[in-house]
Amino acid sequence: MHRPALSVVIPCYNEAACLTLLHGRVAAAAAQAVGDDFEIVLINDGSRDDSWAVMQALAARDRRVVAINLSRNHGHQLALTAGLDLCAGAQILIIDADLQDPPELLADMRATMAAADADVVYAVRRKRQGETIFKKATAALFYRVLDRVTDTPIPLDTGDFRLMSRRALDAFLSLPEQARFIRGMVAWVGFRQVPFAYDRAERHAGETNYPLAKMVRLAFDAVTGFSTAPLRFASHAGLALTGASLLLLLYIAVGFFTGSAVQGWTSTMLVVVLLGAVQMFVLGMIGEYLGRLYIESKRRPLYLVADIAGPVRGHSTLGFNAAEPSPDFDQDGSASVTIDTPGVIGTRPMA
């Protein structure tokens, strides 16, 4: 099967208002970069608007469009994983559907990749237009705290907007964990990775699909997926509280022998509350890691595909694709799979 020179992977959730313009701009940028040898992989992540209908229409008009409809809302990171798993390009561009990341930068990113002989070109945001001061401040704080606590260096001020080589993507697809922080996972696989600075534009239409609750969840996935610092906090807090207890014991002994001991419960309650708060925090973090181990132990597929429109070239390795042909059983008990390709109708025996 022919491998296209480029795959553009775009997760979508309630993006019907953006999709037509998105398709036009992405197709134009890809055609300028690689001619007609590309595919655009759109993933519908359980949208509640007309996104899937628009995707089907785009796939019907443009043979280079592959529209993937997930069985439900899986979340941005798993939807993106589905697109990366099912794409087939020699180079892969990851971009969001809201057009905050300009697809016209593709040619420059490919030039940067070629000049540096790199496997990953990750886009670094110089400016973030159309975002609140709160979001900018919390994003800046998040990346800097993450850089301090994680064992894997993750570039500052980056999102999922990046260009990857096929071997870097294949290495990424070998990582099967459920709680996915893709920009960190791509950093973990290594190879040569270089930055590409750009200015992020305002959202074209609609509202952000990443409210504060999802941002906090993503932050937890990032920290717990790439750092054991929260677990180490227990030992550090224990040492600090042991030192504080010794000092408190010394203070009580001095007060007892000098007759200046203060009667009351304030200091006692303060110590009890402090110890209780630390213990609950530590237990909560242990529970967070234990819960992730429980989820991973189930070995469930990362995503479920309900429908596909367009010529998908990739094969599912991390999820389940219900749109793939399933075996039929003949009267003699042998299995065969239905062939439904242009010009060919029938069945063939399975090996």
Protein backbone atom coordinates (compact mmCIF):
# COMPACT_ATOMS: atom_id res chain seq x y z
CA MET A 1 0.00 0.00 0.00
CA HIS A 2 1.28 3.45 -0.88
CA ARG A 3 2.42 5.57 2.06
CA PRO A 4 1.51 9.26 1.56
CA ALA A 5 4.25 11.80 2.06
CA LEU A 6 2.23 13.65 4.71
CA SER A 7 -0.60 13.01 7.15
CA VAL A 8 -2.33 15.92 8.88
CA VAL A 9 -4.03 14.66 12.06
CA ILE A 10 -6.78 16.84 13.53
CA PRO A 11 -8.89 15.90 16.60
CA CYS A 12 -12.29 17.63 16.59
CA TYR A 13 -14.97 18.22 19.22
CA ASN A 14 -17.92 20.46 18.35
CA GLU A 15 -15.97 22.13 15.53
CA ALA A 16 -18.63 22.19 12.78
CA ALA A 17 -18.26 25.95 12.34
CA CYS A 18 -14.51 25.62 11.65
CA LEU A 19 -14.27 22.48 9.55
CA THR A 20 -14.90 23.83 6.05
CA LEU A 21 -12.39 26.66 6.42
CA LEU A 22 -10.00 24.31 8.22
CA HIS A 23 -10.12 21.84 5.33
CA GLY A 24 -9.45 24.56 2.77
CA ARG A 25 -6.46 26.00 4.60
CA VAL A 26 -4.93 22.66 5.54
CA ALA A 27 -5.37 21.23 2.02
CA ALA A 28 -3.80 24.33 0.47
CA ALA A 29 -0.82 24.24 2.86
CA ALA A 30 -0.30 20.51 2.34
CA ALA A 31 -0.57 20.80 -1.45
CA GLN A 32 2.02 23.57 -1.44
CA ALA A 33 4.36 21.40 0.64
CA VAL A 34 4.01 17.92 -0.93
CA GLY A 35 1.73 18.27 -3.95
CA ASP A 36 -1.20 15.86 -3.95
CA ASP A 37 0.51 13.16 -1.89
CA PHE A 38 -1.13 13.73 1.52
CA GLU A 39 -4.07 12.76 3.69
CA ILE A 40 -6.11 14.79 6.18
CA VAL A 41 -7.26 12.66 9.12
CA LEU A 42 -10.21 14.20 11.00
CA ILE A 43 -11.25 12.55 14.27
CA ASN A 44 -14.75 13.23 15.59
CA ASP A 45 -14.50 12.90 19.36
CA GLY A 46 -18.18 12.43 20.18
CA SER A 47 -19.22 15.90 19.01
CA ARG A 48 -22.73 17.08 19.86
CA ASP A 49 -23.05 19.39 16.86
CA ASP A 50 -22.94 18.62 13.11
CA SER A 51 -19.20 17.92 13.03
CA TRP A 52 -19.55 14.32 11.84
CA ALA A 53 -21.97 15.26 9.05
CA VAL A 54 -19.57 17.96 7.86
CA MET A 55 -16.66 15.52 7.98
CA GLN A 56 -18.58 12.98 5.90
CA ALA A 57 -19.36 15.65 3.33
CA LEU A 58 -15.69 16.67 3.17
CA ALA A 59 -14.62 13.03 2.74
CA ALA A 60 -17.16 12.58 -0.07
CA ARG A 61 -15.80 15.64 -1.92
CA ASP A 62 -12.10 15.11 -1.28
CA ARG A 63 -10.53 11.64 -1.54
CA ARG A 64 -7.60 12.86 0.58
CA VAL A 65 -9.84 13.27 3.63
CA VAL A 66 -10.24 10.43 6.13
CA ALA A 67 -13.01 11.03 8.70
CA ILE A 68 -12.97 8.88 11.84
CA ASN A 69 -15.98 8.80 14.14
CA LEU A 70 -15.22 7.57 17.67
CA SER A 71 -17.92 5.65 19.51
CA ARG A 72 -18.12 8.32 22.24
CA ASN A 73 -16.21 11.26 23.65
CA HIS A 74 -12.79 9.96 24.64
CA GLY A 75 -11.06 13.28 25.32
CA HIS A 76 -8.57 15.26 23.26
CA GLN A 77 -5.48 13.16 23.99
CA LEU A 78 -7.11 9.81 23.18
CA ALA A 79 -8.82 11.21 20.09
CA LEU A 80 -5.45 12.47 18.89
CA THR A 81 -3.98 9.04 19.66
CA ALA A 82 -6.63 7.44 17.44
CA GLY A 83 -5.71 9.71 14.53
CA LEU A 84 -2.00 9.07 14.97
CA ASP A 85 -2.62 5.33 15.16
CA LEU A 86 -4.66 5.25 11.94
CA CYS A 87 -2.66 7.69 9.81
CA ALA A 88 -0.07 6.42 7.33
CA GLY A 89 2.09 9.39 6.30
CA ALA A 90 5.88 9.49 6.16
CA GLN A 91 5.61 12.82 8.00
CA ILE A 92 2.82 13.69 10.41
CA LEU A 93 1.55 17.15 11.27
CA ILE A 94 -0.53 17.45 14.47
CA ILE A 95 -2.81 20.47 14.60
CA ASP A 96 -5.99 21.50 16.43
CA ALA A 97 -9.22 22.25 14.57
CA ASP A 98 -9.77 25.76 15.96
CA LEU A 99 -7.16 27.31 13.61
CA GLN A 100 -5.22 28.92 16.46
CA ASP A 101 -2.20 27.09 15.05
CA PRO A 102 -1.71 28.27 11.43
CA PRO A 103 -1.44 25.34 8.99
CA GLU A 104 0.43 27.68 6.61
CA LEU A 105 3.53 27.13 8.79
CA LEU A 106 3.82 23.56 7.48
CA ALA A 107 6.33 24.42 4.74
CA ASP A 108 8.60 26.27 7.18
CA MET A 109 8.36 23.43 9.71
CA ARG A 110 9.34 20.89 7.03
CA ALA A 111 12.27 23.10 6.03
CA THR A 112 13.36 23.29 9.68
CA MET A 113 13.11 19.51 9.99
CA ALA A 114 15.20 18.98 6.85
CA ALA A 115 17.82 21.57 7.79
CA ALA A 116 18.30 20.15 11.29
CA ASP A 117 17.90 16.50 10.20
CA ALA A 118 15.34 16.25 13.01
CA ASP A 119 12.57 13.78 13.75
CA VAL A 120 10.33 16.22 15.62
CA VAL A 121 9.74 19.94 15.11
CA TYR A 122 7.68 21.24 18.03
CA ALA A 123 6.03 24.65 17.87
CA VAL A 124 6.83 27.06 20.71
CA ARG A 125 4.31 29.83 21.38
CA ARG A 126 5.78 33.33 21.45
CA LYS A 127 2.39 35.03 21.77
CA ARG A 128 -1.07 33.70 22.65
CA GLN A 129 -3.71 35.96 21.11
CA GLY A 130 -7.31 35.88 22.27
CA GLU A 131 -6.60 34.19 25.60
CA THR A 132 -7.29 35.57 29.06
CA ILE A 133 -4.55 36.73 31.41
CA PHE A 134 -5.57 33.94 33.80
CA LYS A 135 -5.08 31.24 31.17
CA LYS A 136 -1.75 32.66 30.04
CA ALA A 137 -0.50 32.91 33.62
CA THR A 138 -1.63 29.44 34.64
CA ALA A 139 -0.21 27.92 31.44
CA ALA A 140 3.16 29.58 32.03
CA LEU A 141 3.16 28.42 35.67
CA PHE A 142 2.15 24.88 34.69
CA TYR A 143 4.97 24.41 32.19
CA ARG A 144 7.60 25.74 34.59
CA VAL A 145 6.43 23.64 37.52
CA LEU A 146 6.26 20.61 35.22
CA ASP A 147 9.82 21.27 34.09
CA ARG A 148 10.98 21.23 37.71
CA VAL A 149 9.24 18.05 38.84
CA THR A 150 9.33 15.74 35.81
CA ASP A 151 12.10 13.29 35.06
CA THR A 152 11.79 13.94 31.30
CA PRO A 153 12.63 17.42 29.98
CA ILE A 154 9.47 18.78 28.35
CA PRO A 155 9.82 21.98 26.25
CA LEU A 156 8.24 25.09 27.75
CA ASP A 157 5.21 26.83 26.18
CA THR A 158 4.43 24.08 23.70
CA GLY A 159 1.20 22.32 22.78
CA ASP A 160 0.54 19.35 20.53
CA PHE A 161 1.20 21.39 17.36
CA ARG A 162 4.24 19.66 15.85
CA LEU A 163 5.67 17.84 12.84
CA MET A 164 6.95 14.28 13.33
CA SER A 165 8.79 11.73 11.25
CA ARG A 166 7.36 8.25 10.79
CA ARG A 167 10.00 6.59 12.98
CA ALA A 168 9.32 9.03 15.82
CA LEU A 169 5.60 8.32 15.51
CA ASP A 170 6.17 4.55 15.45
CA ALA A 171 8.19 4.89 18.65
CA PHE A 172 5.37 6.95 20.19
CA LEU A 173 2.79 4.32 19.19
CA SER A 174 4.74 1.71 21.17
CA LEU A 175 3.67 3.48 24.39
CA PRO A 176 0.31 1.97 25.45
CA GLU A 177 -0.57 3.88 28.64
CA GLN A 178 -4.14 5.07 29.17
CA ALA A 179 -3.49 8.44 30.85
CA ARG A 180 -1.76 10.18 27.96
CA PHE A 181 0.09 13.48 27.94
CA ILE A 182 1.18 13.40 24.32
CA ARG A 183 3.60 16.32 24.26
CA GLY A 184 5.45 14.69 27.18
CA MET A 185 5.37 11.25 25.57
CA VAL A 186 6.82 12.63 22.34
CA ALA A 187 9.59 14.29 24.36
CA TRP A 188 10.25 10.99 26.14
CA VAL A 189 10.82 8.99 22.92
CA GLY A 190 13.81 11.18 22.14
CA PHE A 191 15.46 11.36 18.71
CA ARG A 192 16.47 14.80 17.50
CA GLN A 193 13.82 17.39 18.37
CA VAL A 194 14.06 21.09 17.51
CA PRO A 195 11.87 24.12 18.37
CA PHE A 196 9.92 26.28 15.94
CA ALA A 197 8.76 29.65 17.30
CA TYR A 198 5.40 31.08 16.19
CA ASP A 199 2.59 33.39 17.27
CA ARG A 200 -0.65 31.65 18.19
CA ALA A 201 -3.76 33.24 16.68
CA GLU A 202 -7.24 33.66 18.13
CA ARG A 203 -9.77 30.88 17.88
CA HIS A 204 -11.66 31.06 14.56
CA ALA A 205 -15.11 30.19 15.92
CA GLY A 206 -16.89 28.68 18.88
CA GLU A 207 -15.64 28.33 22.44
CA THR A 208 -12.68 26.52 23.92
CA ASN A 209 -13.20 22.84 24.63
CA TYR A 210 -10.58 22.91 27.37
CA PRO A 211 -12.21 24.45 30.47
CA LEU A 212 -10.40 24.69 33.81
CA ALA A 213 -11.45 21.21 34.96
CA LYS A 214 -9.94 19.55 31.85
CA MET A 215 -6.79 21.63 32.20
CA VAL A 216 -6.38 20.45 35.80
CA ARG A 217 -6.95 16.84 34.70
CA LEU A 218 -4.31 17.22 31.97
CA ALA A 219 -1.91 18.68 34.54
CA PHE A 220 -2.44 15.63 36.79
CA ASP A 221 -1.81 13.32 33.83
CA ALA A 222 1.39 15.19 33.04
CA VAL A 223 2.78 15.17 36.58
CA THR A 224 1.80 11.60 37.49
CA GLY A 225 2.81 10.27 34.08
CA PHE A 226 6.30 11.73 34.09
CA SER A 227 7.28 12.26 37.71
CA THR A 228 7.36 10.49 41.06
CA ALA A 229 7.87 13.79 42.88
CA PRO A 230 4.41 13.67 44.55
CA LEU A 231 5.31 10.31 46.06
CA ARG A 232 8.69 11.57 47.20
CA PHE A 233 6.86 14.41 48.94
CA ALA A 234 5.78 11.91 51.63
CA SER A 235 9.38 11.19 52.70
CA HIS A 236 10.35 14.86 52.53
CA ALA A 237 7.31 15.90 54.58
CA GLY A 238 8.03 13.12 57.09
CA LEU A 239 11.60 14.35 57.60
CA ALA A 240 10.46 17.95 57.97
CA LEU A 241 7.75 17.03 60.48
CA THR A 242 10.20 14.86 62.42
CA GLY A 243 12.53 17.85 62.76
CA ALA A 244 9.63 20.09 63.77
CA SER A 245 8.53 17.51 66.37
CA LEU A 246 12.00 17.44 67.90
CA LEU A 247 12.01 21.21 68.15
CA LEU A 248 8.54 21.16 69.71
CA LEU A 249 9.68 18.49 72.20
CA LEU A 250 12.65 20.65 73.14
CA TYR A 251 10.36 23.67 73.60
CA ILE A 252 8.02 21.66 75.87
CA ALA A 253 10.94 20.35 77.96
CA VAL A 254 12.33 23.85 78.47
CA GLY A 255 8.88 25.13 79.44
CA PHE A 256 8.40 22.25 81.91
CA PHE A 257 11.68 22.79 83.74
CA THR A 258 11.41 26.60 83.82
CA GLY A 259 7.77 26.57 84.89
CA SER A 260 6.65 28.64 81.90
CA ALA A 261 4.54 26.01 80.17
CA VAL A 262 1.41 27.53 78.66
CA GLN A 263 -1.86 25.74 79.34
CA GLY A 264 -4.16 25.42 76.30
CA TRP A 265 -5.05 23.44 73.27
CA THR A 266 -4.24 25.82 70.39
CA SER A 267 -0.76 24.49 69.69
CA THR A 268 -1.96 20.90 70.06
CA MET A 269 -4.77 21.38 67.60
CA LEU A 270 -2.43 23.14 65.19
CA VAL A 271 -0.08 20.15 65.18
CA VAL A 272 -2.96 17.70 64.79
CA VAL A 273 -4.45 19.62 61.89
CA LEU A 274 -1.06 19.96 60.19
CA LEU A 275 -0.29 16.27 60.52
CA GLY A 276 -3.78 15.34 59.32
CA ALA A 277 -3.54 17.59 56.27
CA VAL A 278 -0.15 16.15 55.26
CA GLN A 279 -1.38 12.59 55.74
CA MET A 280 -4.51 13.17 53.67
CA PHE A 281 -2.49 14.78 50.87
CA VAL A 282 -0.02 11.91 50.80
CA LEU A 283 -2.81 9.33 50.85
CA GLY A 284 -4.55 11.20 48.03
CA MET A 285 -1.44 11.14 45.85
CA ILE A 286 -0.85 7.46 46.56
CA GLY A 287 -4.48 6.84 45.63
CA GLU A 288 -3.99 8.77 42.36
CA TYR A 289 -1.07 6.56 41.35
CA LEU A 290 -2.83 3.41 42.54
CA GLY A 291 -5.92 4.31 40.52
CA ARG A 292 -3.80 4.69 37.40
CA LEU A 293 -2.23 1.28 38.00
CA TYR A 294 -5.74 -0.19 38.32
CA ILE A 295 -6.84 1.40 35.04
CA GLU A 296 -3.69 0.24 33.24
CA SER A 297 -4.13 -3.32 34.54
CA LYS A 298 -7.44 -3.64 32.64
CA ARG A 299 -5.62 -3.37 29.30
CA ARG A 300 -8.63 -1.84 27.60
CA PRO A 301 -8.24 -0.37 24.08
CA LEU A 302 -7.41 3.33 24.13
CA TYR A 303 -10.19 4.25 21.73
CA LEU A 304 -13.18 2.74 19.91
CA VAL A 305 -13.95 3.66 16.29
CA ALA A 306 -17.60 3.49 15.23
CA ASP A 307 -17.45 4.70 11.61
CA ILE A 308 -14.92 5.74 8.99
CA ALA A 309 -15.49 7.82 5.87
CA GLY A 310 -12.70 7.92 3.30
CA PRO A 311 -9.73 5.69 2.42
CA VAL A 312 -8.09 4.94 5.77
CA ARG A 313 -4.59 3.48 5.24
CA GLY A 314 -3.46 2.87 8.80
CA HIS A 315 -4.26 -0.13 10.99
CA SER A 316 -5.42 0.09 14.58
CA THR A 317 -2.81 -1.05 17.10
CA LEU A 318 -3.87 0.81 20.25
CA GLY A 319 -7.65 0.76 19.87
CA PHE A 320 -10.58 -1.16 18.43
CA ASN A 321 -11.90 -0.33 14.98
CA ALA A 322 -15.49 -1.50 14.56
CA ALA A 323 -15.46 -0.14 11.01
CA GLU A 324 -12.96 -2.79 9.88
CA PRO A 325 -14.47 -5.84 8.13
CA SER A 326 -15.11 -8.69 10.54
CA PRO A 327 -14.75 -12.38 9.66
CA ASP A 328 -17.77 -14.26 8.33
CA PHE A 329 -18.14 -17.98 8.96
CA ASP A 330 -19.11 -20.28 6.16
CA GLN A 331 -21.20 -23.42 6.57
CA ASP A 332 -18.07 -25.59 6.72
CA GLY A 333 -16.79 -23.58 9.67
CA SER A 334 -13.98 -21.81 7.80
CA ALA A 335 -13.64 -18.08 8.25
CA SER A 336 -13.69 -15.56 5.44
CA VAL A 337 -13.73 -11.79 5.32
CA THR A 338 -15.99 -9.75 3.07
CA ILE A 339 -14.24 -7.74 0.37
CA ASP A 340 -15.87 -4.42 -0.36
CA THR A 341 -13.52 -2.41 -2.54
CA PRO A 342 -14.24 -0.54 -5.78
CA GLY A 343 -14.71 -3.09 -8.56
CA VAL A 344 -14.36 -6.11 -6.25
CA ILE A 345 -17.27 -7.68 -4.39
CA GLY A 346 -17.11 -11.06 -2.70
CA THR A 347 -15.28 -12.96 0.02
CA ARG A 348 -11.88 -14.51 0.43
CA PRO A 349 -10.73 -17.19 2.90
CA MET A 350 -8.79 -16.02 5.94
CA ALA A 351 -5.35 -17.49 6.58
